[in-house]
């Protein structure tokens, strides 16, 4: 495990956490069954492709979980920290292991982690698999929007980082 991080990596991680928080907290559409649809996944996936797996875990987990805390969903904090953190970690790991060529598949794998993770979290919290199933379509739609955002933005951000020598 890498123990030394550059200033650029630390700043990029902090920026990612902030953007995931803002996109999750302020760009959201409430749903009728306890929760909301948000744009945070797009930034989570984008930064997961740019950062180390640990940095990606922080961006996805803490950025999203802090939005839950600030938005009145504190009971989801630990679940979100783990689910979104693992989603981002997996995407980042796949980027580092196999390169960016198959990034669409990596985003898909991360989305599966998120959809399945929130299904089990909601089942545990609400005590009903039926209620938990009701959130699956919303999470799939949220993932698809996130995939589009990350897929389109990744080459642009990667080029900008390369030009500024930050990546």
Protein backbone atom coordinates (compact mmCIF):
# COMPACT_ATOMS: atom_id res chain seq x y z
CA UNK A 1 0.00 0.00 0.00
CA UNK A 2 1.22 3.44 -0.89
CA UNK A 3 2.02 5.49 2.21
CA UNK A 4 3.21 8.78 0.71
CA UNK A 5 0.89 10.95 -1.29
CA UNK A 6 1.81 14.01 -3.30
CA UNK A 7 0.22 17.37 -2.72
CA UNK A 8 -1.53 17.00 -6.08
CA UNK A 9 -3.09 13.68 -5.06
CA UNK A 10 -4.27 15.10 -1.74
CA UNK A 11 -5.77 18.18 -3.41
CA UNK A 12 -7.44 16.10 -6.13
CA UNK A 13 -8.91 13.81 -3.46
CA UNK A 14 -10.24 16.77 -1.47
CA UNK A 15 -11.67 18.33 -4.63
CA UNK A 16 -13.34 15.03 -5.48
CA UNK A 17 -14.89 14.74 -2.01
CA UNK A 18 -16.20 18.29 -2.24
CA UNK A 19 -17.68 17.80 -5.71
CA UNK A 20 -19.31 14.50 -4.78
CA UNK A 21 -20.75 16.15 -1.66
CA UNK A 22 -22.13 19.14 -3.60
CA UNK A 23 -23.51 17.01 -6.45
CA UNK A 24 -25.13 14.65 -3.93
CA UNK A 25 -26.44 17.30 -1.56
CA UNK A 26 -27.63 20.00 -3.92
CA UNK A 27 -28.37 18.30 -7.24
CA UNK A 28 -31.02 15.86 -6.04
CA UNK A 29 -34.57 14.83 -6.73
CA UNK A 30 -36.49 13.39 -3.74
CA UNK A 31 -38.28 10.11 -4.24
CA UNK A 32 -41.48 9.09 -2.45
CA UNK A 33 -39.94 6.13 -0.64
CA UNK A 34 -37.34 7.65 1.67
CA UNK A 35 -34.35 8.93 -0.23
CA UNK A 36 -33.36 10.85 -3.30
CA UNK A 37 -31.91 10.55 -6.77
CA UNK A 38 -28.67 12.56 -7.13
CA UNK A 39 -25.81 13.35 -9.48
CA UNK A 40 -22.99 12.44 -7.10
CA UNK A 41 -22.29 9.09 -8.75
CA UNK A 42 -21.03 10.80 -11.90
CA UNK A 43 -18.32 12.63 -9.97
CA UNK A 44 -17.60 9.56 -7.85
CA UNK A 45 -16.95 7.50 -10.99
CA UNK A 46 -14.97 10.28 -12.64
CA UNK A 47 -12.60 10.74 -9.70
CA UNK A 48 -12.33 6.99 -9.13
CA UNK A 49 -10.72 6.79 -12.56
CA UNK A 50 -8.21 9.49 -11.65
CA UNK A 51 -7.18 8.57 -8.10
CA UNK A 52 -5.61 5.68 -6.24
CA UNK A 53 -8.08 3.14 -4.83
CA UNK A 54 -7.69 4.62 -1.33
CA UNK A 55 -8.25 8.17 -2.58
CA UNK A 56 -11.25 6.96 -4.57
CA UNK A 57 -12.67 5.27 -1.45
CA UNK A 58 -12.43 8.59 0.38
CA UNK A 59 -14.03 10.52 -2.47
CA UNK A 60 -16.91 8.08 -2.90
CA UNK A 61 -17.41 7.09 0.71
CA UNK A 62 -16.86 10.33 2.60
CA UNK A 63 -18.15 12.68 -0.08
CA UNK A 64 -21.44 10.80 -0.31
CA UNK A 65 -21.78 9.95 3.39
CA UNK A 66 -21.24 13.56 4.44
CA UNK A 67 -24.09 14.55 2.10
CA UNK A 68 -26.31 11.97 3.83
CA UNK A 69 -25.35 13.42 7.19
CA UNK A 70 -25.94 17.03 6.13
CA UNK A 71 -29.14 16.16 4.26
CA UNK A 72 -30.96 14.48 7.14
CA UNK A 73 -30.21 10.86 6.26
CA UNK A 74 -27.67 10.20 9.03
CA UNK A 75 -28.94 6.66 9.49
CA UNK A 76 -27.47 5.92 6.03
CA UNK A 77 -24.04 7.37 6.89
CA UNK A 78 -22.19 4.09 7.56
CA UNK A 79 -24.00 2.27 4.75
CA UNK A 80 -23.16 5.02 2.27
CA UNK A 81 -19.56 5.27 3.47
CA UNK A 82 -19.09 1.55 2.82
CA UNK A 83 -21.20 1.13 -0.32
CA UNK A 84 -20.01 4.22 -2.18
CA UNK A 85 -16.48 3.76 -0.87
CA UNK A 86 -16.33 0.19 -2.16
CA UNK A 87 -17.92 1.26 -5.46
CA UNK A 88 -15.23 3.90 -6.00
CA UNK A 89 -12.44 1.62 -4.74
CA UNK A 90 -13.44 -1.10 -7.21
CA UNK A 91 -13.59 1.31 -10.16
CA UNK A 92 -10.21 2.77 -9.26
CA UNK A 93 -8.67 -0.67 -8.75
CA UNK A 94 -9.88 -1.77 -12.19
CA UNK A 95 -8.52 1.41 -13.79
CA UNK A 96 -5.11 0.83 -12.21
CA UNK A 97 -5.08 -2.89 -12.97
CA UNK A 98 -6.30 -2.85 -16.58
CA UNK A 99 -6.06 0.75 -17.84
CA UNK A 100 -8.80 3.05 -19.04
CA UNK A 101 -9.70 1.11 -22.19
CA UNK A 102 -12.66 -0.69 -20.56
CA UNK A 103 -13.81 2.12 -18.31
CA UNK A 104 -17.46 1.62 -19.26
CA UNK A 105 -17.28 -1.91 -17.84
CA UNK A 106 -15.60 -0.62 -14.67
CA UNK A 107 -18.35 1.94 -14.17
CA UNK A 108 -20.88 -0.84 -14.68
CA UNK A 109 -19.19 -3.03 -12.07
CA UNK A 110 -19.18 -0.15 -9.60
CA UNK A 111 -22.85 0.48 -10.32
CA UNK A 112 -23.69 -3.13 -9.51
CA UNK A 113 -21.95 -2.73 -6.15
CA UNK A 114 -24.03 0.38 -5.46
CA UNK A 115 -27.39 -1.07 -6.51
CA UNK A 116 -26.90 -4.34 -4.63
CA UNK A 117 -25.39 -2.60 -1.61
CA UNK A 118 -28.29 -0.19 -1.21
CA UNK A 119 -30.79 -3.00 -1.73
CA UNK A 120 -29.34 -4.83 1.28
CA UNK A 121 -28.93 -1.63 3.31
CA UNK A 122 -32.56 -0.64 2.75
CA UNK A 123 -33.71 -4.20 3.46
CA UNK A 124 -31.84 -4.10 6.78
CA UNK A 125 -33.02 -0.59 7.70
CA UNK A 126 -36.66 -0.98 6.63
CA UNK A 127 -37.06 -4.67 7.42
CA UNK A 128 -38.68 -5.48 4.08
CA UNK A 129 -37.25 -6.86 0.86
CA UNK A 130 -40.27 -5.44 -1.02
CA UNK A 131 -39.49 -1.90 0.16
CA UNK A 132 -35.83 -2.48 -0.65
CA UNK A 133 -36.73 -3.61 -4.18
CA UNK A 134 -38.61 -0.36 -4.74
CA UNK A 135 -35.30 1.53 -4.65
CA UNK A 136 -33.57 -0.62 -7.26
CA UNK A 137 -34.93 1.16 -10.39
CA UNK A 138 -33.98 4.57 -8.99
CA UNK A 139 -30.47 3.36 -8.18
CA UNK A 140 -30.10 1.86 -11.65
CA UNK A 141 -31.20 5.15 -13.23
CA UNK A 142 -28.83 7.10 -10.96
CA UNK A 143 -26.00 4.78 -11.97
CA UNK A 144 -26.74 5.18 -15.67
CA UNK A 145 -26.69 8.96 -15.38
CA UNK A 146 -23.43 8.70 -13.42
CA UNK A 147 -21.90 6.45 -16.07
CA UNK A 148 -22.76 8.93 -18.82
CA UNK A 149 -21.30 11.84 -16.83
CA UNK A 150 -18.07 9.98 -16.03
CA UNK A 151 -17.68 8.46 -19.49
CA UNK A 152 -18.00 11.82 -21.23
CA UNK A 153 -15.98 13.84 -18.70
CA UNK A 154 -13.08 11.41 -18.13
CA UNK A 155 -11.14 12.07 -21.36
CA UNK A 156 -11.60 15.83 -20.99
CA UNK A 157 -10.41 15.90 -17.38
CA UNK A 158 -7.59 13.43 -18.10
CA UNK A 159 -6.31 15.68 -20.90
CA UNK A 160 -6.53 18.78 -18.70
CA UNK A 161 -4.64 17.06 -15.87
CA UNK A 162 -1.98 15.85 -18.28
CA UNK A 163 -1.51 19.36 -19.68
CA UNK A 164 -1.11 20.80 -16.20
CA UNK A 165 1.11 17.88 -15.13
CA UNK A 166 -1.22 17.00 -12.23
CA UNK A 167 -1.78 13.39 -13.25
